Amino acid sequence: MAKIDLTELSDVKEKIVKIDEKTAKRYKVVEEAVDLEALKQEKANLEEQLNMPEPTKEELIELGKMYHPYYTLDREAIRARISQIEEFLNSVS
């Protein structure tokens, strides 16, 4: 397999190296500015996520209530709509 020294690409943005009769590899040099402070902040945020303590059973139960349909239903809106439907059905009967 052909190898390429990246220092050869300092003045060139792309180099194609023939591997065999049917294959070639294209090497591209990409210049990218990296915000080191943003990278450090991202690392700190990721480490903070890894250090998050495991939730207690009580916390999980409360979290589940926030997403379970039984607790998220707008019961008054449902009752009001049922009343509207009953009124309509009674008026056409």
C-alpha atoms as a PDB file:
ATOM      1  CA  MET A   1       0.000   0.000   0.000  1.00  0.00           C
ATOM      2  CA  ALA A   2       1.328   3.432  -0.892  1.00  0.00           C
ATOM      3  CA  LYS A   3       2.080   5.812   1.922  1.00  0.00           C
ATOM      4  CA  ILE A   4       2.300   9.552   1.708  1.00  0.00           C
ATOM      5  CA  ASP A   5       4.227  12.039   3.769  1.00  0.00           C
ATOM      6  CA  LEU A   6       1.849  14.851   4.677  1.00  0.00           C
ATOM      7  CA  THR A   7       4.692  17.351   4.606  1.00  0.00           C
ATOM      8  CA  GLU A   8       4.692  16.827   0.837  1.00  0.00           C
ATOM      9  CA  LEU A   9       1.255  18.455   0.750  1.00  0.00           C
ATOM     10  CA  SER A  10       2.256  21.756   2.340  1.00  0.00           C
ATOM     11  CA  ASP A  11       1.999  23.589  -0.990  1.00  0.00           C
ATOM     12  CA  VAL A  12      -0.589  21.292  -2.555  1.00  0.00           C
ATOM     13  CA  LYS A  13      -4.183  20.875  -1.445  1.00  0.00           C
ATOM     14  CA  GLU A  14      -4.636  17.445  -3.033  1.00  0.00           C
ATOM     15  CA  LYS A  15      -2.499  14.513  -4.147  1.00  0.00           C
ATOM     16  CA  ILE A  16      -3.557  11.312  -5.878  1.00  0.00           C
ATOM     17  CA  VAL A  17      -1.479   8.172  -5.362  1.00  0.00           C
ATOM     18  CA  LYS A  18      -1.995   5.100  -7.544  1.00  0.00           C
ATOM     19  CA  ILE A  19      -2.359   1.966  -5.390  1.00  0.00           C
ATOM     20  CA  ASP A  20      -2.780  -0.662  -8.131  1.00  0.00           C
ATOM     21  CA  GLU A  21      -4.279  -0.954 -11.610  1.00  0.00           C
ATOM     22  CA  LYS A  22      -7.837  -0.431 -10.341  1.00  0.00           C
ATOM     23  CA  THR A  23      -7.362   1.778  -7.294  1.00  0.00           C
ATOM     24  CA  ALA A  24      -5.985   5.153  -6.359  1.00  0.00           C
ATOM     25  CA  LYS A  25      -6.157   7.124  -3.138  1.00  0.00           C
ATOM     26  CA  ARG A  26      -6.806  10.817  -2.995  1.00  0.00           C
ATOM     27  CA  TYR A  27      -5.302  12.744  -0.099  1.00  0.00           C
ATOM     28  CA  LYS A  28      -6.622  16.188   0.713  1.00  0.00           C
ATOM     29  CA  VAL A  29      -5.178  18.766   3.018  1.00  0.00           C
ATOM     30  CA  VAL A  30      -7.800  20.767   4.845  1.00  0.00           C
ATOM     31  CA  GLU A  31      -6.902  23.886   6.739  1.00  0.00           C
ATOM     32  CA  GLU A  32      -9.149  24.534   9.696  1.00  0.00           C
ATOM     33  CA  ALA A  33      -8.998  27.162  12.399  1.00  0.00           C
ATOM     34  CA  VAL A  34      -9.800  25.693  15.809  1.00  0.00           C
ATOM     35  CA  ASP A  35     -11.128  27.816  18.653  1.00  0.00           C
ATOM     36  CA  LEU A  36      -9.140  26.372  21.535  1.00  0.00           C
ATOM     37  CA  GLU A  37     -11.213  28.121  24.206  1.00  0.00           C
ATOM     38  CA  ALA A  38     -14.433  26.701  22.757  1.00  0.00           C
ATOM     39  CA  LEU A  39     -12.796  23.275  22.631  1.00  0.00           C
ATOM     40  CA  LYS A  40     -11.750  23.542  26.280  1.00  0.00           C
ATOM     41  CA  GLN A  41     -15.287  24.614  27.229  1.00  0.00           C
ATOM     42  CA  GLU A  42     -16.777  21.688  25.313  1.00  0.00           C
ATOM     43  CA  LYS A  43     -14.400  19.316  27.110  1.00  0.00           C
ATOM     44  CA  ALA A  44     -15.403  20.776  30.488  1.00  0.00           C
ATOM     45  CA  ASN A  45     -19.103  20.398  29.612  1.00  0.00           C
ATOM     46  CA  LEU A  46     -18.620  16.787  28.535  1.00  0.00           C
ATOM     47  CA  GLU A  47     -16.700  15.964  31.718  1.00  0.00           C
ATOM     48  CA  GLU A  48     -19.481  17.562  33.759  1.00  0.00           C
ATOM     49  CA  GLN A  49     -22.025  15.322  32.012  1.00  0.00           C
ATOM     50  CA  LEU A  50     -19.932  12.241  32.810  1.00  0.00           C
ATOM     51  CA  ASN A  51     -19.767  13.262  36.468  1.00  0.00           C
ATOM     52  CA  MET A  52     -23.557  13.601  36.787  1.00  0.00           C
ATOM     53  CA  PRO A  53     -24.747  11.417  39.681  1.00  0.00           C
ATOM     54  CA  GLU A  54     -27.175   8.584  39.067  1.00  0.00           C
ATOM     55  CA  PRO A  55     -30.750   9.706  39.811  1.00  0.00           C
ATOM     56  CA  THR A  56     -32.594   8.306  42.787  1.00  0.00           C
ATOM     57  CA  LYS A  57     -35.729   6.198  42.323  1.00  0.00           C
ATOM     58  CA  GLU A  58     -37.798   9.146  43.540  1.00  0.00           C
ATOM     59  CA  GLU A  59     -36.222  11.444  40.913  1.00  0.00           C
ATOM     60  CA  LEU A  60     -36.925   8.894  38.195  1.00  0.00           C
ATOM     61  CA  ILE A  61     -40.548   8.602  39.287  1.00  0.00           C
ATOM     62  CA  GLU A  62     -40.992  12.381  39.176  1.00  0.00           C
ATOM     63  CA  LEU A  63     -39.313  12.556  35.777  1.00  0.00           C
ATOM     64  CA  GLY A  64     -41.577   9.795  34.492  1.00  0.00           C
ATOM     65  CA  LYS A  65     -44.623  11.770  35.628  1.00  0.00           C
ATOM     66  CA  MET A  66     -43.539  14.688  33.450  1.00  0.00           C
ATOM     67  CA  TYR A  67     -43.756  12.487  30.336  1.00  0.00           C
ATOM     68  CA  HIS A  68     -46.450   9.915  31.101  1.00  0.00           C
ATOM     69  CA  PRO A  69     -49.757  10.697  29.324  1.00  0.00           C
ATOM     70  CA  TYR A  70     -51.780  10.175  32.509  1.00  0.00           C
ATOM     71  CA  TYR A  71     -50.052  13.161  34.093  1.00  0.00           C
ATOM     72  CA  THR A  72     -49.770  15.326  30.978  1.00  0.00           C
ATOM     73  CA  LEU A  73     -53.404  15.219  29.871  1.00  0.00           C
ATOM     74  CA  ASP A  74     -55.298  18.489  29.879  1.00  0.00           C
ATOM     75  CA  ARG A  75     -58.316  16.969  31.606  1.00  0.00           C
ATOM     76  CA  GLU A  76     -60.373  20.156  31.590  1.00  0.00           C
ATOM     77  CA  ALA A  77     -59.925  20.579  27.839  1.00  0.00           C
ATOM     78  CA  ILE A  78     -60.941  16.940  27.291  1.00  0.00           C
ATOM     79  CA  ARG A  79     -64.030  17.320  29.485  1.00  0.00           C
ATOM     80  CA  ALA A  80     -64.970  20.530  27.646  1.00  0.00           C
ATOM     81  CA  ARG A  81     -64.618  18.796  24.267  1.00  0.00           C
ATOM     82  CA  ILE A  82     -66.699  15.826  25.473  1.00  0.00           C
ATOM     83  CA  SER A  83     -69.408  18.286  26.542  1.00  0.00           C
ATOM     84  CA  GLN A  84     -69.307  19.975  23.117  1.00  0.00           C
ATOM     85  CA  ILE A  85     -69.643  16.604  21.377  1.00  0.00           C
ATOM     86  CA  GLU A  86     -72.531  15.561  23.640  1.00  0.00           C
ATOM     87  CA  GLU A  87     -74.331  18.861  22.971  1.00  0.00           C
ATOM     88  CA  PHE A  88     -73.877  18.410  19.232  1.00  0.00           C
ATOM     89  CA  LEU A  89     -75.014  14.794  19.280  1.00  0.00           C
ATOM     90  CA  ASN A  90     -78.071  15.686  21.399  1.00  0.00           C
ATOM     91  CA  SER A  91     -79.016  18.509  19.053  1.00  0.00           C
ATOM     92  CA  VAL A  92     -79.045  16.246  15.982  1.00  0.00           C
ATOM     93  CA  SER A  93     -80.872  13.352  17.632  1.00  0.00           C
END
